[in-house]
N, C-alpha and C. Protein backbone atom coordinates (compact mmCIF):
# COMPACT_ATOMS: atom_id res chain seq x y z
N MET A 1 77.85 61.84 7.99
CA MET A 1 76.40 61.91 8.06
C MET A 1 75.89 63.28 7.64
N LEU A 2 76.52 64.34 8.15
CA LEU A 2 76.09 65.69 7.79
C LEU A 2 76.23 65.93 6.30
N LYS A 3 77.34 65.46 5.73
CA LYS A 3 77.57 65.68 4.31
C LYS A 3 76.48 65.02 3.48
N ARG A 4 76.11 63.77 3.84
CA ARG A 4 75.08 63.05 3.09
C ARG A 4 73.72 63.75 3.24
N PHE A 5 73.47 64.26 4.46
CA PHE A 5 72.22 64.97 4.71
C PHE A 5 72.12 66.21 3.83
N LEU A 6 73.22 66.99 3.78
CA LEU A 6 73.21 68.22 2.99
C LEU A 6 73.09 67.93 1.51
N GLN A 7 73.68 66.83 1.05
CA GLN A 7 73.61 66.49 -0.36
C GLN A 7 72.17 66.20 -0.80
N ARG A 8 71.29 65.81 0.13
CA ARG A 8 69.91 65.51 -0.20
C ARG A 8 69.03 66.77 -0.22
N LEU A 9 69.57 67.88 0.31
CA LEU A 9 68.79 69.10 0.38
C LEU A 9 68.79 69.83 -0.95
N PRO A 10 67.73 70.58 -1.28
CA PRO A 10 67.78 71.49 -2.43
C PRO A 10 68.89 72.50 -2.21
N LEU A 11 69.48 73.00 -3.32
CA LEU A 11 70.64 73.87 -3.22
C LEU A 11 70.35 75.09 -2.37
N GLY A 12 69.19 75.72 -2.55
CA GLY A 12 68.89 76.94 -1.79
C GLY A 12 68.86 76.69 -0.31
N LEU A 13 68.30 75.54 0.12
CA LEU A 13 68.24 75.22 1.55
C LEU A 13 69.61 74.84 2.07
N ALA A 14 70.39 74.14 1.26
CA ALA A 14 71.73 73.75 1.70
C ALA A 14 72.59 74.96 1.95
N CYS A 15 72.39 76.03 1.17
CA CYS A 15 73.21 77.22 1.31
C CYS A 15 72.97 77.92 2.64
N LEU A 16 71.80 77.68 3.24
CA LEU A 16 71.56 78.27 4.55
C LEU A 16 72.55 77.73 5.57
N PHE A 17 73.05 76.52 5.32
CA PHE A 17 74.06 75.93 6.19
C PHE A 17 75.46 76.37 5.78
N GLY A 18 75.58 77.14 4.67
CA GLY A 18 76.89 77.54 4.17
C GLY A 18 77.58 76.43 3.42
N VAL A 19 76.86 75.37 3.02
CA VAL A 19 77.48 74.22 2.37
C VAL A 19 76.58 73.78 1.23
N SER A 20 77.16 73.30 0.14
CA SER A 20 76.38 72.72 -0.94
C SER A 20 76.93 71.36 -1.27
N ALA A 21 76.22 70.66 -2.17
CA ALA A 21 76.65 69.32 -2.55
C ALA A 21 77.91 69.33 -3.37
N THR A 22 78.33 70.50 -3.86
CA THR A 22 79.53 70.58 -4.69
C THR A 22 80.78 70.24 -3.89
N GLY A 23 80.78 70.55 -2.61
CA GLY A 23 81.94 70.23 -1.78
C GLY A 23 82.90 71.39 -1.66
N PRO A 24 83.82 71.32 -0.69
CA PRO A 24 84.77 72.40 -0.45
C PRO A 24 85.68 72.65 -1.65
N GLN A 25 86.08 73.92 -1.81
CA GLN A 25 86.98 74.31 -2.88
C GLN A 25 87.64 75.63 -2.52
N THR A 26 88.35 76.21 -3.48
CA THR A 26 88.97 77.52 -3.27
C THR A 26 87.96 78.61 -3.60
N SER A 27 87.73 79.49 -2.66
CA SER A 27 86.79 80.60 -2.86
C SER A 27 87.58 81.89 -2.99
N ILE A 28 87.20 82.71 -3.97
CA ILE A 28 87.89 83.97 -4.22
C ILE A 28 86.91 85.12 -4.05
N LEU A 29 87.32 86.11 -3.28
CA LEU A 29 86.54 87.33 -3.11
C LEU A 29 87.41 88.51 -3.53
N GLN A 30 86.79 89.51 -4.13
CA GLN A 30 87.55 90.67 -4.58
C GLN A 30 86.87 91.93 -4.07
N PHE A 31 87.67 92.84 -3.51
CA PHE A 31 87.16 94.02 -2.84
C PHE A 31 87.54 95.29 -3.60
N PHE A 32 86.56 96.22 -3.70
CA PHE A 32 86.76 97.49 -4.38
C PHE A 32 86.24 98.62 -3.51
N ASP A 33 86.83 99.81 -3.69
CA ASP A 33 86.34 100.98 -2.97
C ASP A 33 85.25 101.68 -3.80
N GLN A 34 84.81 102.84 -3.32
CA GLN A 34 83.72 103.56 -3.97
C GLN A 34 84.07 103.99 -5.39
N ARG A 35 85.37 104.14 -5.68
CA ARG A 35 85.80 104.56 -7.03
C ARG A 35 86.04 103.37 -7.95
N GLY A 36 85.85 102.17 -7.42
CA GLY A 36 86.07 100.98 -8.23
C GLY A 36 87.50 100.49 -8.23
N LEU A 37 88.32 101.01 -7.31
CA LEU A 37 89.72 100.59 -7.22
C LEU A 37 89.85 99.43 -6.24
N PRO A 38 90.74 98.47 -6.53
CA PRO A 38 90.92 97.32 -5.62
C PRO A 38 91.47 97.76 -4.27
N ILE A 39 91.08 97.05 -3.22
CA ILE A 39 91.51 97.38 -1.86
C ILE A 39 92.43 96.28 -1.33
N GLU A 40 93.60 96.68 -0.93
CA GLU A 40 94.54 95.74 -0.29
C GLU A 40 94.32 95.73 1.21
N GLY A 41 94.51 94.58 1.84
CA GLY A 41 94.50 94.51 3.29
C GLY A 41 93.13 94.38 3.93
N VAL A 42 92.12 93.95 3.15
CA VAL A 42 90.82 93.66 3.75
C VAL A 42 90.89 92.28 4.39
N ALA A 43 90.57 92.19 5.66
CA ALA A 43 90.52 90.90 6.35
C ALA A 43 89.10 90.37 6.28
N ILE A 44 88.94 89.13 5.85
CA ILE A 44 87.64 88.50 5.79
C ILE A 44 87.66 87.23 6.62
N GLU A 45 86.62 87.04 7.42
CA GLU A 45 86.50 85.87 8.27
C GLU A 45 85.14 85.22 8.05
N VAL A 46 85.14 83.91 7.86
CA VAL A 46 83.91 83.14 7.66
C VAL A 46 83.79 82.14 8.81
N PRO A 47 82.69 82.13 9.55
CA PRO A 47 82.53 81.13 10.62
C PRO A 47 82.60 79.72 10.04
N PRO A 48 83.17 78.77 10.76
CA PRO A 48 83.22 77.39 10.26
C PRO A 48 81.83 76.85 9.97
N PRO A 49 81.60 76.26 8.78
CA PRO A 49 80.30 75.67 8.48
C PRO A 49 80.00 74.51 9.42
N PRO A 50 78.73 74.15 9.58
CA PRO A 50 78.37 73.00 10.44
C PRO A 50 79.10 71.74 9.99
N GLY A 51 79.64 71.03 10.95
CA GLY A 51 80.35 69.78 10.66
C GLY A 51 81.80 69.95 10.29
N SER A 52 82.28 71.19 10.18
CA SER A 52 83.68 71.40 9.81
C SER A 52 84.61 70.99 10.96
N ASN A 53 85.65 70.25 10.62
CA ASN A 53 86.67 69.89 11.62
C ASN A 53 88.04 70.37 11.18
N ARG A 54 88.05 71.39 10.35
CA ARG A 54 89.32 71.93 9.86
C ARG A 54 90.09 72.57 11.01
N PRO A 55 91.38 72.28 11.16
CA PRO A 55 92.16 72.85 12.26
C PRO A 55 92.35 74.35 12.08
N LEU A 56 92.53 75.04 13.18
CA LEU A 56 92.75 76.48 13.17
C LEU A 56 94.21 76.74 12.82
N ALA A 57 94.48 76.83 11.51
CA ALA A 57 95.85 77.03 11.02
C ALA A 57 95.77 77.59 9.61
N PHE A 58 96.88 78.22 9.18
CA PHE A 58 96.95 78.82 7.84
C PHE A 58 98.24 78.39 7.16
N PRO A 59 98.26 78.39 5.81
CA PRO A 59 99.45 77.94 5.09
C PRO A 59 100.61 78.93 5.13
N TRP A 60 100.33 80.19 5.46
CA TRP A 60 101.40 81.18 5.51
C TRP A 60 102.01 81.23 6.92
N ARG A 61 103.19 81.79 6.98
CA ARG A 61 103.91 81.89 8.26
C ARG A 61 103.34 83.03 9.10
N SER A 62 103.27 82.81 10.40
CA SER A 62 102.84 83.87 11.33
C SER A 62 104.05 84.77 11.60
N ALA A 63 104.29 85.68 10.67
CA ALA A 63 105.47 86.56 10.76
C ALA A 63 105.13 87.92 10.18
N MET A 64 105.53 88.97 10.89
CA MET A 64 105.38 90.35 10.45
C MET A 64 106.78 90.96 10.41
N ALA A 65 107.32 91.04 9.20
CA ALA A 65 108.69 91.52 9.03
C ALA A 65 108.73 93.04 8.98
N GLN A 66 109.94 93.58 9.19
CA GLN A 66 110.19 94.99 8.94
C GLN A 66 111.20 95.08 7.79
N ARG A 67 110.75 95.72 6.70
CA ARG A 67 111.60 95.86 5.52
C ARG A 67 111.37 97.24 4.91
N ASN A 68 112.46 97.95 4.62
CA ASN A 68 112.37 99.31 4.07
C ASN A 68 111.51 100.20 4.96
N GLN A 69 111.68 100.03 6.26
CA GLN A 69 110.97 100.80 7.28
C GLN A 69 109.45 100.72 7.08
N ALA A 70 108.98 99.50 6.83
CA ALA A 70 107.56 99.22 6.69
C ALA A 70 107.28 97.82 7.20
N PHE A 71 106.04 97.58 7.65
CA PHE A 71 105.64 96.25 8.06
C PHE A 71 105.22 95.45 6.84
N VAL A 72 105.73 94.22 6.75
CA VAL A 72 105.43 93.34 5.62
C VAL A 72 104.99 91.98 6.17
N PRO A 73 103.74 91.54 5.86
CA PRO A 73 102.70 92.27 5.10
C PRO A 73 102.08 93.38 5.93
N GLY A 74 101.35 94.27 5.28
CA GLY A 74 100.71 95.35 6.01
C GLY A 74 99.63 94.85 6.94
N THR A 75 98.91 93.81 6.52
CA THR A 75 97.89 93.16 7.33
C THR A 75 98.15 91.66 7.35
N LEU A 76 98.24 91.10 8.53
CA LEU A 76 98.54 89.68 8.71
C LEU A 76 97.42 88.99 9.46
N ILE A 77 96.93 87.87 8.92
CA ILE A 77 95.93 87.05 9.58
C ILE A 77 96.64 85.93 10.34
N VAL A 78 96.33 85.78 11.63
CA VAL A 78 96.93 84.70 12.42
C VAL A 78 95.86 84.01 13.25
N PRO A 79 96.04 82.73 13.57
CA PRO A 79 95.08 82.03 14.42
C PRO A 79 95.22 82.46 15.87
N GLN A 80 94.13 82.41 16.59
CA GLN A 80 94.15 82.74 18.02
C GLN A 80 95.17 81.87 18.74
N GLY A 81 96.01 82.51 19.56
CA GLY A 81 97.05 81.81 20.29
C GLY A 81 98.38 81.73 19.57
N ALA A 82 98.47 82.33 18.38
CA ALA A 82 99.71 82.23 17.58
C ALA A 82 100.85 83.01 18.21
N ASN A 83 102.05 82.48 18.04
CA ASN A 83 103.27 83.23 18.33
C ASN A 83 103.75 83.85 17.03
N VAL A 84 103.75 85.16 16.97
CA VAL A 84 104.11 85.87 15.75
C VAL A 84 105.55 86.32 15.82
N ALA A 85 106.31 86.01 14.77
CA ALA A 85 107.70 86.44 14.68
C ALA A 85 107.77 87.84 14.07
N PHE A 86 108.73 88.64 14.54
CA PHE A 86 108.95 89.99 14.02
C PHE A 86 110.40 90.11 13.54
N PRO A 87 110.73 89.53 12.40
CA PRO A 87 112.11 89.61 11.90
C PRO A 87 112.44 91.00 11.37
N ASN A 88 113.60 91.50 11.75
CA ASN A 88 114.06 92.81 11.27
C ASN A 88 114.95 92.59 10.05
N LEU A 89 114.45 92.96 8.88
CA LEU A 89 115.20 92.82 7.63
C LEU A 89 115.79 94.15 7.18
N ASP A 90 115.73 95.16 8.04
CA ASP A 90 116.27 96.48 7.74
C ASP A 90 117.70 96.62 8.25
N THR A 91 118.33 97.70 7.82
CA THR A 91 119.68 98.01 8.31
C THR A 91 119.63 98.87 9.57
N VAL A 92 118.42 99.26 9.98
CA VAL A 92 118.24 100.08 11.18
C VAL A 92 117.52 99.27 12.24
N ARG A 93 117.54 99.76 13.46
CA ARG A 93 116.88 99.05 14.57
C ARG A 93 115.42 99.48 14.67
N HIS A 94 114.61 98.56 15.22
CA HIS A 94 113.19 98.84 15.41
C HIS A 94 112.78 98.50 16.84
N SER A 95 111.72 99.14 17.30
CA SER A 95 111.10 98.84 18.59
C SER A 95 109.59 98.78 18.37
N ILE A 96 109.05 97.57 18.29
CA ILE A 96 107.65 97.36 17.93
C ILE A 96 106.76 97.46 19.16
N TYR A 97 105.58 98.06 18.99
CA TYR A 97 104.65 98.19 20.11
C TYR A 97 103.21 98.14 19.61
N SER A 98 102.29 97.95 20.55
CA SER A 98 100.86 98.06 20.28
C SER A 98 100.15 98.51 21.54
N PHE A 99 99.16 99.39 21.37
CA PHE A 99 98.30 99.81 22.47
C PHE A 99 96.90 99.22 22.31
N SER A 100 96.72 98.30 21.38
CA SER A 100 95.40 97.73 21.10
C SER A 100 94.92 96.85 22.25
N LYS A 101 93.62 96.83 22.46
CA LYS A 101 93.05 96.07 23.58
C LYS A 101 93.38 94.58 23.53
N PRO A 102 93.35 93.91 22.35
CA PRO A 102 93.67 92.47 22.34
C PRO A 102 95.12 92.15 22.68
N ALA A 103 96.02 93.14 22.53
CA ALA A 103 97.44 92.87 22.81
C ALA A 103 98.18 94.18 23.02
N ARG A 104 98.47 94.47 24.27
CA ARG A 104 99.29 95.65 24.61
C ARG A 104 100.70 95.15 24.93
N PHE A 105 101.69 95.60 24.16
CA PHE A 105 103.05 95.11 24.38
C PHE A 105 104.05 96.08 23.77
N GLN A 106 105.30 95.90 24.14
CA GLN A 106 106.40 96.66 23.55
C GLN A 106 107.61 95.74 23.45
N ILE A 107 108.24 95.76 22.30
CA ILE A 107 109.47 95.00 22.07
C ILE A 107 110.62 95.99 22.01
N ASP A 108 111.61 95.82 22.88
CA ASP A 108 112.75 96.74 22.92
C ASP A 108 113.53 96.71 21.61
N LEU A 109 114.36 97.72 21.44
CA LEU A 109 115.15 97.87 20.21
C LEU A 109 115.91 96.59 19.85
N TYR A 110 115.85 96.21 18.59
CA TYR A 110 116.66 95.10 18.08
C TYR A 110 117.03 95.38 16.64
N GLY A 111 118.14 94.77 16.20
CA GLY A 111 118.75 95.17 14.95
C GLY A 111 118.56 94.21 13.78
N ARG A 112 119.32 94.48 12.76
CA ARG A 112 119.23 93.74 11.50
C ARG A 112 119.47 92.24 11.71
N ASP A 113 118.64 91.44 11.02
CA ASP A 113 118.71 89.97 11.05
C ASP A 113 118.40 89.39 12.42
N GLN A 114 117.86 90.20 13.30
CA GLN A 114 117.39 89.69 14.58
C GLN A 114 115.87 89.53 14.53
N THR A 115 115.35 88.64 15.37
CA THR A 115 113.91 88.37 15.40
C THR A 115 113.42 88.36 16.84
N ARG A 116 112.28 88.95 17.04
CA ARG A 116 111.58 88.86 18.32
C ARG A 116 110.21 88.25 18.06
N SER A 117 109.54 87.79 19.11
CA SER A 117 108.22 87.18 18.92
C SER A 117 107.27 87.64 20.01
N GLN A 118 105.98 87.49 19.72
CA GLN A 118 104.93 87.89 20.65
C GLN A 118 103.74 86.97 20.45
N ARG A 119 103.13 86.52 21.56
CA ARG A 119 101.96 85.64 21.48
C ARG A 119 100.68 86.47 21.49
N PHE A 120 99.67 86.00 20.74
CA PHE A 120 98.42 86.72 20.61
C PHE A 120 97.25 85.78 20.97
N PRO A 121 96.87 85.74 22.26
CA PRO A 121 95.83 84.80 22.72
C PRO A 121 94.41 85.31 22.57
N ILE A 122 94.21 86.58 22.23
CA ILE A 122 92.88 87.18 22.19
C ILE A 122 92.55 87.61 20.76
N THR A 123 91.34 87.28 20.30
CA THR A 123 90.93 87.64 18.95
C THR A 123 90.70 89.15 18.84
N GLY A 124 90.83 89.65 17.62
CA GLY A 124 90.61 91.07 17.37
C GLY A 124 91.71 91.65 16.51
N THR A 125 91.72 92.97 16.42
CA THR A 125 92.69 93.68 15.60
C THR A 125 93.77 94.30 16.47
N VAL A 126 95.00 94.07 16.10
CA VAL A 126 96.16 94.63 16.81
C VAL A 126 96.87 95.59 15.86
N ALA A 127 96.83 96.88 16.21
CA ALA A 127 97.52 97.89 15.41
C ALA A 127 98.96 98.01 15.89
N LEU A 128 99.90 97.96 14.95
CA LEU A 128 101.33 97.97 15.28
C LEU A 128 101.97 99.30 14.92
N GLY A 129 102.96 99.69 15.70
CA GLY A 129 103.77 100.86 15.40
C GLY A 129 105.21 100.60 15.78
N CYS A 130 106.07 101.56 15.46
CA CYS A 130 107.48 101.50 15.83
C CYS A 130 107.84 102.76 16.59
N ASN A 131 108.46 102.59 17.75
CA ASN A 131 108.84 103.75 18.56
C ASN A 131 109.88 104.63 17.89
N ILE A 132 110.59 104.10 16.91
CA ILE A 132 111.66 104.85 16.25
C ILE A 132 111.18 105.49 14.94
N HIS A 133 110.26 104.82 14.25
CA HIS A 133 109.80 105.28 12.94
C HIS A 133 108.28 105.46 12.98
N ASP A 134 107.86 106.71 13.17
CA ASP A 134 106.44 107.00 13.37
C ASP A 134 105.57 106.64 12.17
N LYS A 135 106.13 106.63 10.98
CA LYS A 135 105.32 106.38 9.78
C LYS A 135 104.95 104.91 9.62
N MET A 136 105.60 104.04 10.36
CA MET A 136 105.34 102.61 10.22
C MET A 136 104.00 102.24 10.85
N ARG A 137 103.14 101.58 10.04
CA ARG A 137 101.85 101.11 10.52
C ARG A 137 101.61 99.70 9.99
N GLY A 138 101.16 98.81 10.85
CA GLY A 138 100.83 97.46 10.44
C GLY A 138 99.69 96.93 11.30
N TYR A 139 99.08 95.84 10.84
CA TYR A 139 97.92 95.31 11.54
C TYR A 139 97.97 93.79 11.56
N ILE A 140 97.65 93.24 12.73
CA ILE A 140 97.51 91.79 12.88
C ILE A 140 96.06 91.52 13.26
N ARG A 141 95.42 90.68 12.48
CA ARG A 141 94.03 90.29 12.76
C ARG A 141 94.06 88.88 13.32
N VAL A 142 93.72 88.75 14.59
CA VAL A 142 93.73 87.46 15.28
C VAL A 142 92.34 86.86 15.19
N VAL A 143 92.23 85.66 14.61
CA VAL A 143 90.92 85.08 14.31
C VAL A 143 90.75 83.71 14.97
N SER A 144 89.48 83.30 15.10
CA SER A 144 89.16 82.01 15.69
C SER A 144 88.57 81.04 14.66
N THR A 145 88.68 81.38 13.37
CA THR A 145 88.20 80.51 12.31
C THR A 145 89.31 80.23 11.32
N PRO A 146 89.40 79.01 10.79
CA PRO A 146 90.42 78.71 9.78
C PRO A 146 90.05 79.24 8.40
N PHE A 147 88.82 79.74 8.25
CA PHE A 147 88.36 80.25 6.96
C PHE A 147 88.50 81.78 6.97
N ALA A 148 89.71 82.23 6.73
CA ALA A 148 90.01 83.66 6.78
C ALA A 148 91.16 83.97 5.84
N ALA A 149 91.24 85.23 5.42
CA ALA A 149 92.32 85.65 4.52
C ALA A 149 92.34 87.17 4.47
N ALA A 150 93.41 87.73 3.90
CA ALA A 150 93.52 89.16 3.66
C ALA A 150 93.69 89.39 2.17
N SER A 151 93.12 90.47 1.66
CA SER A 151 93.19 90.75 0.23
C SER A 151 94.56 91.26 -0.18
N ASP A 152 94.95 90.96 -1.42
CA ASP A 152 96.26 91.36 -1.94
C ASP A 152 96.17 92.70 -2.68
N LEU A 153 97.21 93.04 -3.44
CA LEU A 153 97.25 94.32 -4.16
C LEU A 153 96.11 94.46 -5.14
N ASN A 154 95.62 93.34 -5.66
CA ASN A 154 94.51 93.37 -6.61
C ASN A 154 93.15 93.27 -5.93
N GLY A 155 93.16 93.35 -4.61
CA GLY A 155 91.91 93.28 -3.86
C GLY A 155 91.36 91.88 -3.74
N ARG A 156 92.14 90.86 -4.08
CA ARG A 156 91.66 89.48 -4.07
C ARG A 156 92.07 88.75 -2.79
N ALA A 157 91.10 88.07 -2.20
CA ALA A 157 91.35 87.22 -1.03
C ALA A 157 90.92 85.81 -1.38
N GLN A 158 91.74 84.85 -1.02
CA GLN A 158 91.49 83.45 -1.38
C GLN A 158 91.35 82.63 -0.11
N ILE A 159 90.23 81.92 0.00
CA ILE A 159 89.97 81.07 1.17
C ILE A 159 89.81 79.63 0.70
N GLU A 160 90.59 78.75 1.29
CA GLU A 160 90.54 77.34 0.92
C GLU A 160 89.50 76.59 1.75
N GLY A 161 88.86 75.62 1.10
CA GLY A 161 88.03 74.67 1.84
C GLY A 161 86.58 75.05 2.04
N LEU A 162 86.10 76.13 1.39
CA LEU A 162 84.71 76.52 1.53
C LEU A 162 83.88 75.93 0.40
N ALA A 163 82.72 75.42 0.72
CA ALA A 163 81.79 74.95 -0.30
C ALA A 163 80.97 76.12 -0.81
N PRO A 164 80.47 76.05 -2.05
CA PRO A 164 79.57 77.11 -2.55
C PRO A 164 78.37 77.27 -1.63
N GLY A 165 77.91 78.48 -1.49
CA GLY A 165 76.77 78.74 -0.62
C GLY A 165 76.74 80.19 -0.18
N THR A 166 75.88 80.50 0.74
CA THR A 166 75.72 81.86 1.25
C THR A 166 76.21 81.91 2.69
N TYR A 167 77.07 82.88 2.98
CA TYR A 167 77.71 82.98 4.28
C TYR A 167 77.58 84.39 4.85
N ARG A 168 77.52 84.46 6.15
CA ARG A 168 77.63 85.75 6.85
C ARG A 168 79.09 85.92 7.23
N VAL A 169 79.74 86.91 6.66
CA VAL A 169 81.17 87.07 6.85
C VAL A 169 81.46 88.37 7.59
N THR A 170 82.58 88.38 8.29
CA THR A 170 83.06 89.59 8.97
C THR A 170 84.18 90.20 8.15
N LEU A 171 84.08 91.50 7.88
CA LEU A 171 85.09 92.22 7.11
C LEU A 171 85.73 93.29 7.99
N TRP A 172 87.04 93.46 7.81
CA TRP A 172 87.76 94.50 8.55
C TRP A 172 88.77 95.16 7.64
N HIS A 173 88.90 96.48 7.78
CA HIS A 173 89.95 97.25 7.08
C HIS A 173 90.17 98.51 7.89
N PRO A 174 91.42 99.00 7.97
CA PRO A 174 91.68 100.16 8.83
C PRO A 174 90.93 101.42 8.42
N ARG A 175 90.44 101.47 7.17
CA ARG A 175 89.70 102.66 6.71
C ARG A 175 88.23 102.37 6.42
N LEU A 176 87.75 101.20 6.84
CA LEU A 176 86.35 100.87 6.61
C LEU A 176 85.45 101.78 7.44
N ARG A 177 84.45 102.36 6.77
CA ARG A 177 83.54 103.28 7.44
C ARG A 177 82.49 102.48 8.21
N ALA A 178 82.86 102.05 9.41
CA ALA A 178 81.99 101.25 10.26
C ALA A 178 82.56 101.27 11.67
N ALA A 179 81.74 100.92 12.64
CA ALA A 179 82.20 100.89 14.03
C ALA A 179 83.34 99.90 14.18
N GLY A 180 84.45 100.36 14.73
CA GLY A 180 85.61 99.51 14.88
C GLY A 180 86.22 99.06 13.57
N ASN A 181 85.89 99.77 12.48
CA ASN A 181 86.39 99.42 11.14
C ASN A 181 86.00 98.00 10.74
N GLU A 182 84.86 97.54 11.24
CA GLU A 182 84.44 96.16 11.05
C GLU A 182 82.97 96.11 10.66
N ALA A 183 82.63 95.23 9.72
CA ALA A 183 81.26 95.09 9.26
C ALA A 183 80.95 93.63 8.98
N VAL A 184 79.67 93.28 9.03
CA VAL A 184 79.22 91.93 8.70
C VAL A 184 78.34 92.01 7.46
N GLN A 185 78.62 91.15 6.48
CA GLN A 185 77.86 91.13 5.25
C GLN A 185 77.50 89.69 4.88
N THR A 186 76.47 89.56 4.05
CA THR A 186 76.11 88.27 3.49
C THR A 186 76.74 88.15 2.11
N VAL A 187 77.47 87.06 1.89
CA VAL A 187 78.19 86.86 0.64
C VAL A 187 77.83 85.49 0.07
N THR A 188 77.57 85.44 -1.23
CA THR A 188 77.29 84.18 -1.91
C THR A 188 78.53 83.72 -2.67
N ILE A 189 78.98 82.53 -2.37
CA ILE A 189 80.14 81.93 -3.03
C ILE A 189 79.65 81.08 -4.20
N THR A 190 80.14 81.39 -5.42
CA THR A 190 79.74 80.67 -6.62
C THR A 190 80.96 80.03 -7.25
N PRO A 191 80.91 78.76 -7.63
CA PRO A 191 82.07 78.09 -8.23
C PRO A 191 82.59 78.83 -9.46
N GLY A 192 83.89 79.11 -9.49
CA GLY A 192 84.54 79.70 -10.65
C GLY A 192 84.32 81.18 -10.83
N THR A 193 83.56 81.82 -9.97
CA THR A 193 83.27 83.24 -10.11
C THR A 193 83.64 83.98 -8.83
N PRO A 194 84.62 84.90 -8.89
CA PRO A 194 84.96 85.66 -7.68
C PRO A 194 83.77 86.49 -7.20
N ALA A 195 83.54 86.50 -5.90
CA ALA A 195 82.50 87.36 -5.32
C ALA A 195 83.06 88.77 -5.24
N ARG A 196 82.35 89.74 -5.80
CA ARG A 196 82.80 91.14 -5.82
C ARG A 196 82.07 91.93 -4.74
N LEU A 197 82.84 92.63 -3.91
CA LEU A 197 82.25 93.42 -2.84
C LEU A 197 82.82 94.83 -2.90
N THR A 198 81.93 95.81 -2.74
CA THR A 198 82.34 97.21 -2.70
C THR A 198 82.23 97.70 -1.27
N LEU A 199 83.32 98.30 -0.77
CA LEU A 199 83.35 98.77 0.61
C LEU A 199 83.43 100.30 0.64
N ASP A 200 82.82 100.87 1.65
CA ASP A 200 82.83 102.31 1.85
C ASP A 200 84.00 102.66 2.76
N LEU A 201 85.05 103.27 2.16
CA LEU A 201 86.25 103.60 2.93
C LEU A 201 86.30 105.08 3.27
N ARG A 202 86.96 105.37 4.37
CA ARG A 202 87.18 106.77 4.75
C ARG A 202 88.29 107.37 3.89
């Protein structure tokens, strides 16, 4: 019923609902800094459009590996309540911890080819570190919407299932110049054209 109702609306009015008659598709957003360079690791979250019944799940695995004494990926999007695996792919041992408000925990030392896990029931940003290797930094963004993604090396983030329209989105990056490194922007999704956003980074 909602879909038929929206299809009868003019495009501009339908976009206020975040949905158009074109229907859901793959939406691409690309992020750049003040110098015009692509930004990796921008987390974008879009609230579910009216009538959406998409389950809170993502096609990628909820896993934050340790490889070459670094967290891989650097920023991981997971659904609220996810159990995240921490596989150690290094030849050295790691001890993962976080002091972040959504998840305070510590995983004792474990070695190569071993895996530990941690549940994340609260939304927000979880900053990760290693008690053995101070240079290691990683981030888990726990979200309550299935319409979310993190940007890659080219600054591109891909979200499945969004219809063309205008959305209020939440953006997060560890160097974003905003309170809590988080900002809300209005973004217009256009079929076949990546939405380009410039962020002010520290």
